[in-house]
Amino acid sequence: MIQKRLESIRKKLLDLREARLQEIRRQNADAAALIDEGVADTADQGLTDSLKDYLHLLGDAGREEILEIDEALERLRDGSYGRCEACGKTIDIARLEILPFTRRCLTCRQEAEKEAKTKAGPGKGLL
């Protein structure tokens, strides 16, 4: 039963990876189109520059997620998948099915978020 669920997670990771790659390709094409189009005035140029920056940031986030997915696939291959990197306990399979590239159990994730909020100060936290 667990092996079937892990295979399902592996397939989900591969599907997520492909979806992110497609998004990055589309964003790169959109950015290239903005560059090729040119702009009529400085106001349009400012908007175009902002859109290019935004598309670049989205691409960075997508690439980061692809790296996380690749690392999860490697953990599946080497047998370390599903172990919390913070406490070493087994991560609940339901959590892995929802967020297949997670590295921490829910308890450790919540503790890390709480610590980050404390360090950031009032009104701040994880983005």
Protein backbone atom coordinates (compact mmCIF):
# COMPACT_ATOMS: atom_id res chain seq x y z
CA MET A 1 0.00 0.00 0.00
CA ILE A 2 2.75 2.48 0.96
CA GLN A 3 4.68 1.62 -2.22
CA LYS A 4 1.62 2.50 -4.34
CA ARG A 5 1.25 5.82 -2.54
CA LEU A 6 4.95 6.59 -2.99
CA GLU A 7 4.70 5.79 -6.71
CA SER A 8 1.70 8.13 -6.91
CA ILE A 9 3.77 10.85 -5.19
CA ARG A 10 6.66 10.25 -7.60
CA LYS A 11 4.30 10.72 -10.55
CA LYS A 12 2.88 13.87 -8.96
CA LEU A 13 6.41 15.26 -8.51
CA LEU A 14 7.21 14.58 -12.17
CA ASP A 15 3.93 16.21 -13.26
CA LEU A 16 4.62 19.27 -11.06
CA ARG A 17 8.12 19.52 -12.49
CA GLU A 18 6.82 19.48 -16.06
CA ALA A 19 4.14 22.06 -15.22
CA ARG A 20 6.75 24.42 -13.73
CA LEU A 21 8.99 24.00 -16.77
CA GLN A 22 6.06 24.89 -19.03
CA GLU A 23 5.31 27.98 -16.92
CA ILE A 24 8.93 29.13 -17.12
CA ARG A 25 8.97 28.63 -20.89
CA ARG A 26 5.75 30.63 -21.24
CA GLN A 27 7.07 33.42 -19.01
CA ASN A 28 10.32 33.55 -20.97
CA ALA A 29 8.33 33.82 -24.20
CA ASP A 30 6.18 36.60 -22.67
CA ALA A 31 9.29 38.51 -21.56
CA ALA A 32 10.85 38.10 -25.00
CA ALA A 33 7.66 39.42 -26.61
CA LEU A 34 7.76 42.50 -24.37
CA ILE A 35 11.34 43.17 -25.41
CA ASP A 36 10.57 42.68 -29.10
CA GLU A 37 7.47 44.89 -29.09
CA GLY A 38 9.16 48.08 -27.97
CA VAL A 39 7.21 50.88 -26.33
CA ALA A 40 5.74 54.18 -27.42
CA ASP A 41 6.53 56.40 -24.43
CA THR A 42 8.30 56.46 -21.08
CA ALA A 43 5.17 55.55 -19.10
CA ASP A 44 4.76 52.43 -21.24
CA GLN A 45 8.48 51.73 -20.82
CA GLY A 46 8.12 51.82 -17.03
CA LEU A 47 5.21 49.39 -17.14
CA THR A 48 7.08 47.12 -19.55
CA ASP A 49 10.13 47.11 -17.29
CA SER A 50 7.97 46.29 -14.26
CA LEU A 51 6.31 43.42 -16.11
CA LYS A 52 9.69 42.04 -17.20
CA ASP A 53 10.94 42.19 -13.60
CA TYR A 54 7.79 40.44 -12.39
CA LEU A 55 8.12 37.69 -15.00
CA HIS A 56 11.77 37.26 -14.02
CA LEU A 57 10.83 36.83 -10.34
CA LEU A 58 8.17 34.28 -11.25
CA GLY A 59 10.78 32.39 -13.25
CA ASP A 60 13.16 32.39 -10.28
CA ALA A 61 10.44 30.98 -8.01
CA GLY A 62 9.64 28.32 -10.60
CA ARG A 63 13.29 27.31 -10.89
CA GLU A 64 13.57 27.10 -7.10
CA GLU A 65 10.53 24.82 -6.99
CA ILE A 66 12.03 22.62 -9.71
CA LEU A 67 15.18 22.25 -7.58
CA GLU A 68 13.04 21.26 -4.58
CA ILE A 69 11.18 18.73 -6.72
CA ASP A 70 14.45 17.29 -8.06
CA GLU A 71 15.75 16.93 -4.50
CA ALA A 72 12.54 15.14 -3.46
CA LEU A 73 12.90 12.76 -6.42
CA GLU A 74 16.49 12.07 -5.34
CA ARG A 75 15.31 11.33 -1.79
CA LEU A 76 12.76 8.90 -3.25
CA ARG A 77 15.58 7.15 -5.13
CA ASP A 78 17.96 6.95 -2.19
CA GLY A 79 15.32 5.91 0.35
CA SER A 80 15.46 8.99 2.56
CA TYR A 81 12.15 10.42 1.29
CA GLY A 82 9.54 11.05 3.96
CA ARG A 83 11.95 11.71 6.83
CA CYS A 84 11.82 15.14 8.46
CA GLU A 85 15.15 16.90 7.98
CA ALA A 86 14.74 18.65 11.35
CA CYS A 87 13.71 15.87 13.74
CA GLY A 88 14.21 12.69 11.68
CA LYS A 89 10.68 11.43 12.26
CA THR A 90 8.50 10.09 9.47
CA ILE A 91 6.46 12.77 7.70
CA ASP A 92 2.78 11.87 7.52
CA ILE A 93 1.98 10.36 4.10
CA ALA A 94 -1.09 12.61 3.76
CA ARG A 95 1.19 15.67 4.11
CA LEU A 96 3.53 14.25 1.48
CA GLU A 97 0.62 13.68 -0.88
CA ILE A 98 -0.46 17.31 -0.52
CA LEU A 99 3.03 18.84 -0.58
CA PRO A 100 5.26 16.14 -2.08
CA PHE A 101 8.53 18.09 -1.92
CA THR A 102 8.21 19.06 1.75
CA ARG A 103 11.28 18.39 3.90
CA ARG A 104 9.72 18.81 7.34
CA CYS A 105 6.92 17.29 9.33
CA LEU A 106 4.05 19.59 10.23
CA THR A 107 5.27 20.12 13.80
CA CYS A 108 8.78 21.14 12.71
CA ARG A 109 7.38 23.38 9.95
CA GLN A 110 5.15 25.17 12.45
CA GLU A 111 8.07 25.58 14.85
CA ALA A 112 10.23 27.03 12.05
CA GLU A 113 7.48 29.49 11.09
CA LYS A 114 7.03 30.52 14.73
CA GLU A 115 10.78 31.05 15.10
CA ALA A 116 10.95 33.07 11.88
CA LYS A 117 8.11 35.33 13.06
CA THR A 118 9.83 35.84 16.40
CA LYS A 119 13.12 36.77 14.72
CA ALA A 120 11.39 39.07 12.22
CA GLY A 121 9.61 41.04 14.91
CA PRO A 122 6.03 42.33 15.12
CA GLY A 123 4.09 42.43 11.87
CA LYS A 124 6.67 40.41 10.00
CA GLY A 125 6.96 36.74 9.14
CA LEU A 126 7.68 34.28 6.39
CA LEU A 127 6.78 35.51 2.94
